[in-house]
PDB file of all heavy atoms in Angstrom:
ATOM      1  N   PHE A   1      -9.031  15.987   2.608  1.00  0.00           N
ATOM      2  CA  PHE A   1      -9.878  15.491   1.534  1.00  0.00           C
ATOM      3  C   PHE A   1      -9.608  14.044   1.174  1.00  0.00           C
ATOM      4  O   PHE A   1     -10.422  13.403   0.540  1.00  0.00           O
ATOM      5  CB  PHE A   1      -9.649  16.344   0.263  1.00  0.00           C
ATOM      6  CG  PHE A   1      -9.935  17.795   0.487  1.00  0.00           C
ATOM      7  CD1 PHE A   1      -8.899  18.699   0.688  1.00  0.00           C
ATOM      8  CD2 PHE A   1     -11.229  18.269   0.524  1.00  0.00           C
ATOM      9  CE1 PHE A   1      -9.146  20.041   0.889  1.00  0.00           C
ATOM     10  CE2 PHE A   1     -11.485  19.605   0.735  1.00  0.00           C
ATOM     11  CZ  PHE A   1     -10.444  20.506   0.931  1.00  0.00           C
ATOM     12  N   LEU A   2      -8.462  13.533   1.528  1.00  0.00           N
ATOM     13  CA  LEU A   2      -8.114  12.169   1.169  1.00  0.00           C
ATOM     14  C   LEU A   2      -7.791  11.378   2.421  1.00  0.00           C
ATOM     15  O   LEU A   2      -7.338  11.924   3.404  1.00  0.00           O
ATOM     16  CB  LEU A   2      -6.898  12.157   0.227  1.00  0.00           C
ATOM     17  CG  LEU A   2      -7.058  12.926  -1.089  1.00  0.00           C
ATOM     18  CD1 LEU A   2      -5.739  12.936  -1.845  1.00  0.00           C
ATOM     19  CD2 LEU A   2      -8.144  12.299  -1.950  1.00  0.00           C
ATOM     20  N   GLN A   3      -8.038  10.088   2.344  1.00  0.00           N
ATOM     21  CA  GLN A   3      -7.668   9.228   3.457  1.00  0.00           C
ATOM     22  C   GLN A   3      -6.187   8.918   3.365  1.00  0.00           C
ATOM     23  O   GLN A   3      -5.709   8.443   2.353  1.00  0.00           O
ATOM     24  CB  GLN A   3      -8.462   7.916   3.395  1.00  0.00           C
ATOM     25  CG  GLN A   3      -8.184   7.019   4.593  1.00  0.00           C
ATOM     26  CD  GLN A   3      -9.032   5.783   4.542  1.00  0.00           C
ATOM     27  OE1 GLN A   3      -9.803   5.596   3.610  1.00  0.00           O
ATOM     28  NE2 GLN A   3      -8.897   4.934   5.542  1.00  0.00           N
ATOM     29  N   LYS A   4      -5.474   9.236   4.432  1.00  0.00           N
ATOM     30  CA  LYS A   4      -4.034   9.067   4.406  1.00  0.00           C
ATOM     31  C   LYS A   4      -3.696   7.589   4.435  1.00  0.00           C
ATOM     32  O   LYS A   4      -4.242   6.843   5.218  1.00  0.00           O
ATOM     33  CB  LYS A   4      -3.403   9.774   5.602  1.00  0.00           C
ATOM     34  CG  LYS A   4      -1.872   9.776   5.555  1.00  0.00           C
ATOM     35  CD  LYS A   4      -1.284  10.517   6.735  1.00  0.00           C
ATOM     36  CE  LYS A   4      -1.631  11.983   6.661  1.00  0.00           C
ATOM     37  NZ  LYS A   4      -0.948  12.760   7.740  1.00  0.00           N
ATOM     38  N   SER A   5      -2.796   7.224   3.590  1.00  0.00           N
ATOM     39  CA  SER A   5      -2.372   5.826   3.520  1.00  0.00           C
ATOM     40  C   SER A   5      -1.536   5.477   4.740  1.00  0.00           C
ATOM     41  O   SER A   5      -0.717   6.281   5.173  1.00  0.00           O
ATOM     42  CB  SER A   5      -1.570   5.597   2.240  1.00  0.00           C
ATOM     43  OG  SER A   5      -1.016   4.319   2.232  1.00  0.00           O
ATOM     44  N   PRO A   6      -1.716   4.272   5.298  1.00  0.00           N
ATOM     45  CA  PRO A   6      -0.900   3.869   6.457  1.00  0.00           C
ATOM     46  C   PRO A   6       0.523   3.520   6.081  1.00  0.00           C
ATOM     47  O   PRO A   6       1.351   3.281   6.937  1.00  0.00           O
ATOM     48  CB  PRO A   6      -1.642   2.636   6.984  1.00  0.00           C
ATOM     49  CG  PRO A   6      -2.304   2.065   5.785  1.00  0.00           C
ATOM     50  CD  PRO A   6      -2.709   3.232   4.942  1.00  0.00           C
ATOM     51  N   PHE A   7       0.794   3.446   4.762  1.00  0.00           N
ATOM     52  CA  PHE A   7       2.120   3.054   4.320  1.00  0.00           C
ATOM     53  C   PHE A   7       2.883   4.280   3.846  1.00  0.00           C
ATOM     54  O   PHE A   7       2.306   5.230   3.313  1.00  0.00           O
ATOM     55  CB  PHE A   7       2.021   2.039   3.163  1.00  0.00           C
ATOM     56  CG  PHE A   7       1.200   0.844   3.522  1.00  0.00           C
ATOM     57  CD1 PHE A   7      -0.113   0.737   3.055  1.00  0.00           C
ATOM     58  CD2 PHE A   7       1.715  -0.169   4.322  1.00  0.00           C
ATOM     59  CE1 PHE A   7      -0.874  -0.351   3.379  1.00  0.00           C
ATOM     60  CE2 PHE A   7       0.948  -1.266   4.644  1.00  0.00           C
ATOM     61  CZ  PHE A   7      -0.351  -1.358   4.181  1.00  0.00           C
ATOM     62  N   PRO A   8       4.176   4.269   4.042  1.00  0.00           N
ATOM     63  CA  PRO A   8       4.972   5.386   3.541  1.00  0.00           C
ATOM     64  C   PRO A   8       4.905   5.472   2.030  1.00  0.00           C
ATOM     65  O   PRO A   8       4.749   4.460   1.346  1.00  0.00           O
ATOM     66  CB  PRO A   8       6.385   5.050   4.027  1.00  0.00           C
ATOM     67  CG  PRO A   8       6.395   3.578   4.227  1.00  0.00           C
ATOM     68  CD  PRO A   8       4.998   3.225   4.668  1.00  0.00           C
ATOM     69  N   THR A   9       4.984   6.700   1.540  1.00  0.00           N
ATOM     70  CA  THR A   9       4.860   6.929   0.103  1.00  0.00           C
ATOM     71  C   THR A   9       6.067   6.367  -0.616  1.00  0.00           C
ATOM     72  O   THR A   9       7.204   6.690  -0.283  1.00  0.00           O
ATOM     73  CB  THR A   9       4.753   8.431  -0.194  1.00  0.00           C
ATOM     74  OG1 THR A   9       3.650   8.944   0.528  1.00  0.00           O
ATOM     75  CG2 THR A   9       4.574   8.678  -1.685  1.00  0.00           C
ATOM     76  N   LYS A  10       5.804   5.463  -1.535  1.00  0.00           N
ATOM     77  CA  LYS A  10       6.864   4.878  -2.338  1.00  0.00           C
ATOM     78  C   LYS A  10       6.538   5.109  -3.805  1.00  0.00           C
ATOM     79  O   LYS A  10       5.371   5.046  -4.218  1.00  0.00           O
ATOM     80  CB  LYS A  10       6.992   3.370  -2.084  1.00  0.00           C
ATOM     81  CG  LYS A  10       7.275   3.014  -0.640  1.00  0.00           C
ATOM     82  CD  LYS A  10       8.703   3.394  -0.266  1.00  0.00           C
ATOM     83  CE  LYS A  10       9.013   2.931   1.149  1.00  0.00           C
ATOM     84  NZ  LYS A  10      10.408   3.271   1.524  1.00  0.00           N
ATOM     85  N   ARG A  11       7.571   5.356  -4.586  1.00  0.00           N
ATOM     86  CA  ARG A  11       7.375   5.550  -6.009  1.00  0.00           C
ATOM     87  C   ARG A  11       7.712   4.265  -6.753  1.00  0.00           C
ATOM     88  O   ARG A  11       8.506   3.450  -6.303  1.00  0.00           O
ATOM     89  CB  ARG A  11       8.255   6.693  -6.522  1.00  0.00           C
ATOM     90  CG  ARG A  11       7.818   8.048  -6.004  1.00  0.00           C
ATOM     91  CD  ARG A  11       8.623   9.148  -6.645  1.00  0.00           C
ATOM     92  NE  ARG A  11       8.191  10.442  -6.169  1.00  0.00           N
ATOM     93  CZ  ARG A  11       8.710  11.586  -6.595  1.00  0.00           C
ATOM     94  NH1 ARG A  11       9.697  11.599  -7.475  1.00  0.00           N
ATOM     95  NH2 ARG A  11       8.247  12.727  -6.121  1.00  0.00           N
ATOM     96  N   GLY A  12       7.083   4.072  -7.877  1.00  0.00           N
ATOM     97  CA  GLY A  12       7.360   2.899  -8.689  1.00  0.00           C
ATOM     98  C   GLY A  12       6.240   1.879  -8.574  1.00  0.00           C
ATOM     99  O   GLY A  12       5.660   1.666  -7.518  1.00  0.00           O
ATOM    100  N   SER A  13       5.936   1.201  -9.692  1.00  0.00           N
ATOM    101  CA  SER A  13       4.839   0.229  -9.708  1.00  0.00           C
ATOM    102  C   SER A  13       5.147  -0.979  -8.831  1.00  0.00           C
ATOM    103  O   SER A  13       4.257  -1.582  -8.239  1.00  0.00           O
ATOM    104  CB  SER A  13       4.589  -0.221 -11.154  1.00  0.00           C
ATOM    105  OG  SER A  13       5.793  -0.754 -11.714  1.00  0.00           O
ATOM    106  N   ALA A  14       6.410  -1.366  -8.721  1.00  0.00           N
ATOM    107  CA  ALA A  14       6.767  -2.515  -7.882  1.00  0.00           C
ATOM    108  C   ALA A  14       6.468  -2.247  -6.427  1.00  0.00           C
ATOM    109  O   ALA A  14       5.963  -3.130  -5.711  1.00  0.00           O
ATOM    110  CB  ALA A  14       8.253  -2.837  -8.067  1.00  0.00           C
ATOM    111  N   ARG A  15       6.744  -1.090  -5.919  1.00  0.00           N
ATOM    112  CA  ARG A  15       6.471  -0.773  -4.523  1.00  0.00           C
ATOM    113  C   ARG A  15       4.980  -0.707  -4.265  1.00  0.00           C
ATOM    114  O   ARG A  15       4.494  -1.124  -3.190  1.00  0.00           O
ATOM    115  CB  ARG A  15       7.119   0.560  -4.156  1.00  0.00           C
ATOM    116  CG  ARG A  15       8.625   0.605  -4.358  1.00  0.00           C
ATOM    117  CD  ARG A  15       9.315  -0.459  -3.549  1.00  0.00           C
ATOM    118  NE  ARG A  15       9.059  -0.335  -2.139  1.00  0.00           N
ATOM    119  CZ  ARG A  15       9.393  -1.227  -1.228  1.00  0.00           C
ATOM    120  NH1 ARG A  15       9.989  -2.350  -1.600  1.00  0.00           N
ATOM    121  NH2 ARG A  15       9.138  -1.017   0.052  1.00  0.00           N
ATOM    122  N   LEU A  16       4.190  -0.201  -5.221  1.00  0.00           N
ATOM    123  CA  LEU A  16       2.737  -0.165  -5.056  1.00  0.00           C
ATOM    124  C   LEU A  16       2.148  -1.568  -4.981  1.00  0.00           C
ATOM    125  O   LEU A  16       1.240  -1.845  -4.187  1.00  0.00           O
ATOM    126  CB  LEU A  16       2.104   0.613  -6.213  1.00  0.00           C
ATOM    127  CG  LEU A  16       2.399   2.116  -6.263  1.00  0.00           C
ATOM    128  CD1 LEU A  16       1.822   2.726  -7.541  1.00  0.00           C
ATOM    129  CD2 LEU A  16       1.800   2.814  -5.042  1.00  0.00           C
ATOM    130  N   LEU A  17       2.669  -2.484  -5.811  1.00  0.00           N
ATOM    131  CA  LEU A  17       2.181  -3.856  -5.782  1.00  0.00           C
ATOM    132  C   LEU A  17       2.515  -4.509  -4.444  1.00  0.00           C
ATOM    133  O   LEU A  17       1.699  -5.249  -3.867  1.00  0.00           O
ATOM    134  CB  LEU A  17       2.812  -4.650  -6.930  1.00  0.00           C
ATOM    135  CG  LEU A  17       2.435  -6.128  -7.017  1.00  0.00           C
ATOM    136  CD1 LEU A  17       0.920  -6.298  -7.212  1.00  0.00           C
ATOM    137  CD2 LEU A  17       3.178  -6.804  -8.177  1.00  0.00           C
ATOM    138  N   GLU A  18       3.713  -4.244  -3.916  1.00  0.00           N
ATOM    139  CA  GLU A  18       4.116  -4.810  -2.635  1.00  0.00           C
ATOM    140  C   GLU A  18       3.213  -4.319  -1.512  1.00  0.00           C
ATOM    141  O   GLU A  18       2.787  -5.100  -0.649  1.00  0.00           O
ATOM    142  CB  GLU A  18       5.567  -4.431  -2.354  1.00  0.00           C
ATOM    143  CG  GLU A  18       6.089  -4.984  -1.030  1.00  0.00           C
ATOM    144  CD  GLU A  18       7.512  -4.514  -0.751  1.00  0.00           C
ATOM    145  OE1 GLU A  18       8.096  -3.883  -1.655  1.00  0.00           O
ATOM    146  OE2 GLU A  18       8.009  -4.787   0.349  1.00  0.00           O
ATOM    147  N   GLN A  19       2.855  -3.025  -1.540  1.00  0.00           N
ATOM    148  CA  GLN A  19       1.974  -2.475  -0.509  1.00  0.00           C
ATOM    149  C   GLN A  19       0.578  -3.101  -0.598  1.00  0.00           C
ATOM    150  O   GLN A  19      -0.062  -3.398   0.430  1.00  0.00           O
ATOM    151  CB  GLN A  19       1.889  -0.959  -0.672  1.00  0.00           C
ATOM    152  CG  GLN A  19       3.202  -0.239  -0.397  1.00  0.00           C
ATOM    153  CD  GLN A  19       3.116   1.240  -0.724  1.00  0.00           C
ATOM    154  OE1 GLN A  19       2.022   1.723  -1.006  1.00  0.00           O
ATOM    155  NE2 GLN A  19       4.264   1.910  -0.692  1.00  0.00           N
ATOM    156  N   TRP A  20       0.093  -3.310  -1.804  1.00  0.00           N
ATOM    157  CA  TRP A  20      -1.251  -3.887  -1.981  1.00  0.00           C
ATOM    158  C   TRP A  20      -1.283  -5.320  -1.458  1.00  0.00           C
ATOM    159  O   TRP A  20      -2.237  -5.728  -0.807  1.00  0.00           O
ATOM    160  CB  TRP A  20      -1.619  -3.846  -3.460  1.00  0.00           C
ATOM    161  CG  TRP A  20      -2.987  -4.396  -3.736  1.00  0.00           C
ATOM    162  CD1 TRP A  20      -4.184  -3.777  -3.593  1.00  0.00           C
ATOM    163  CD2 TRP A  20      -3.279  -5.712  -4.198  1.00  0.00           C
ATOM    164  NE1 TRP A  20      -5.210  -4.593  -3.928  1.00  0.00           N
ATOM    165  CE2 TRP A  20      -4.683  -5.822  -4.314  1.00  0.00           C
ATOM    166  CE3 TRP A  20      -2.496  -6.828  -4.540  1.00  0.00           C
ATOM    167  CZ2 TRP A  20      -5.317  -6.972  -4.749  1.00  0.00           C
ATOM    168  CZ3 TRP A  20      -3.147  -7.972  -4.961  1.00  0.00           C
ATOM    169  CH2 TRP A  20      -4.527  -8.033  -5.066  1.00  0.00           C
ATOM    170  N   LEU A  21      -0.245  -6.104  -1.710  1.00  0.00           N
ATOM    171  CA  LEU A  21      -0.200  -7.482  -1.241  1.00  0.00           C
ATOM    172  C   LEU A  21      -0.176  -7.547   0.277  1.00  0.00           C
ATOM    173  O   LEU A  21      -0.807  -8.411   0.902  1.00  0.00           O
ATOM    174  CB  LEU A  21       1.017  -8.198  -1.823  1.00  0.00           C
ATOM    175  CG  LEU A  21       0.959  -8.484  -3.327  1.00  0.00           C
ATOM    176  CD1 LEU A  21       2.268  -9.085  -3.808  1.00  0.00           C
ATOM    177  CD2 LEU A  21      -0.203  -9.431  -3.650  1.00  0.00           C
ATOM    178  N   LYS A  22       0.578  -6.666   0.940  1.00  0.00           N
ATOM    179  CA  LYS A  22       0.619  -6.649   2.394  1.00  0.00           C
ATOM    180  C   LYS A  22      -0.734  -6.308   2.966  1.00  0.00           C
ATOM    181  O   LYS A  22      -1.162  -6.862   3.977  1.00  0.00           O
ATOM    182  CB  LYS A  22       1.658  -5.647   2.868  1.00  0.00           C
ATOM    183  CG  LYS A  22       3.081  -6.101   2.634  1.00  0.00           C
ATOM    184  CD  LYS A  22       4.056  -5.060   3.171  1.00  0.00           C
ATOM    185  CE  LYS A  22       5.497  -5.520   2.975  1.00  0.00           C
ATOM    186  NZ  LYS A  22       6.457  -4.517   3.502  1.00  0.00           N
ATOM    187  N   LYS A  23      -1.433  -5.392   2.341  1.00  0.00           N
ATOM    188  CA  LYS A  23      -2.752  -4.991   2.833  1.00  0.00           C
ATOM    189  C   LYS A  23      -3.756  -6.135   2.701  1.00  0.00           C
ATOM    190  O   LYS A  23      -4.569  -6.383   3.583  1.00  0.00           O
ATOM    191  CB  LYS A  23      -3.222  -3.767   2.048  1.00  0.00           C
ATOM    192  CG  LYS A  23      -4.529  -3.186   2.554  1.00  0.00           C
ATOM    193  CD  LYS A  23      -4.901  -1.932   1.773  1.00  0.00           C
ATOM    194  CE  LYS A  23      -6.215  -1.370   2.302  1.00  0.00           C
ATOM    195  NZ  LYS A  23      -6.636  -0.160   1.553  1.00  0.00           N
ATOM    196  N   GLU A  24      -3.685  -6.860   1.583  1.00  0.00           N
ATOM    197  CA  GLU A  24      -4.586  -7.996   1.372  1.00  0.00           C
ATOM    198  C   GLU A  24      -4.324  -9.086   2.414  1.00  0.00           C
ATOM    199  O   GLU A  24      -5.232  -9.743   2.905  1.00  0.00           O
ATOM    200  CB  GLU A  24      -4.397  -8.554  -0.039  1.00  0.00           C
ATOM    201  CG  GLU A  24      -4.974  -7.665  -1.130  1.00  0.00           C
ATOM    202  CD  GLU A  24      -6.484  -7.623  -1.073  1.00  0.00           C
ATOM    203  OE1 GLU A  24      -7.107  -8.673  -0.800  1.00  0.00           O
ATOM    204  OE2 GLU A  24      -7.050  -6.527  -1.299  1.00  0.00           O
ATOM    205  N   LYS A  25      -3.061  -9.268   2.767  1.00  0.00           N
ATOM    206  CA  LYS A  25      -2.728 -10.307   3.734  1.00  0.00           C
ATOM    207  C   LYS A  25      -3.279  -9.988   5.106  1.00  0.00           C
ATOM    208  O   LYS A  25      -3.747 -10.851   5.843  1.00  0.00           O
ATOM    209  CB  LYS A  25      -1.214 -10.482   3.789  1.00  0.00           C
ATOM    210  CG  LYS A  25      -0.764 -11.647   4.649  1.00  0.00           C
ATOM    211  CD  LYS A  25       0.741 -11.825   4.570  1.00  0.00           C
ATOM    212  CE  LYS A  25       1.167 -13.004   5.416  1.00  0.00           C
ATOM    213  NZ  LYS A  25       2.627 -13.213   5.378  1.00  0.00           N
ATOM    214  N   GLN A  26      -3.270  -8.697   5.477  1.00  0.00           N
ATOM    215  CA  GLN A  26      -3.781  -8.278   6.784  1.00  0.00           C
ATOM    216  C   GLN A  26      -5.291  -8.438   6.868  1.00  0.00           C
ATOM    217  O   GLN A  26      -5.844  -8.730   7.906  1.00  0.00           O
ATOM    218  CB  GLN A  26      -3.385  -6.831   7.062  1.00  0.00           C
ATOM    219  CG  GLN A  26      -1.894  -6.629   7.257  1.00  0.00           C
ATOM    220  CD  GLN A  26      -1.527  -5.172   7.418  1.00  0.00           C
ATOM    221  OE1 GLN A  26      -2.417  -4.318   7.343  1.00  0.00           O
ATOM    222  NE2 GLN A  26      -0.239  -4.901   7.656  1.00  0.00           N
ATOM    223  N   GLU A  27      -5.988  -8.248   5.759  1.00  0.00           N
ATOM    224  CA  GLU A  27      -7.450  -8.309   5.756  1.00  0.00           C
ATOM    225  C   GLU A  27      -7.977  -9.720   5.475  1.00  0.00           C
ATOM    226  O   GLU A  27      -9.182  -9.951   5.403  1.00  0.00           O
ATOM    227  CB  GLU A  27      -7.995  -7.327   4.710  1.00  0.00           C
ATOM    228  CG  GLU A  27      -7.675  -5.871   5.048  1.00  0.00           C
ATOM    229  CD  GLU A  27      -8.168  -4.930   3.971  1.00  0.00           C
ATOM    230  OE1 GLU A  27      -8.672  -5.440   2.938  1.00  0.00           O
ATOM    231  OE2 GLU A  27      -8.070  -3.693   4.158  1.00  0.00           O
ATOM    232  N   GLU A  28      -7.116 -10.725   5.282  1.00  0.00           N
ATOM    233  CA  GLU A  28      -7.539 -12.082   4.971  1.00  0.00           C
ATOM    234  C   GLU A  28      -8.299 -12.687   6.167  1.00  0.00           C
ATOM    235  O   GLU A  28      -7.866 -12.523   7.317  1.00  0.00           O
ATOM    236  CB  GLU A  28      -6.300 -12.926   4.667  1.00  0.00           C
ATOM    237  CG  GLU A  28      -6.635 -14.323   4.182  1.00  0.00           C
ATOM    238  CD  GLU A  28      -5.363 -15.093   3.860  1.00  0.00           C
ATOM    239  OE1 GLU A  28      -4.268 -14.510   4.058  1.00  0.00           O
ATOM    240  OE2 GLU A  28      -5.466 -16.245   3.436  1.00  0.00           O
TER     241      GLU A  28
END
C-alpha cells in the first residue's frame, strides 16, 4: 500500500531532514 523509501528507516527529526536534503540533491 505504500511506496517503500529507498533510505533506511531512521528515527528523529534530524535524520528525516538529512534524508530529505540528500533526495533534493539527487533530483537537482
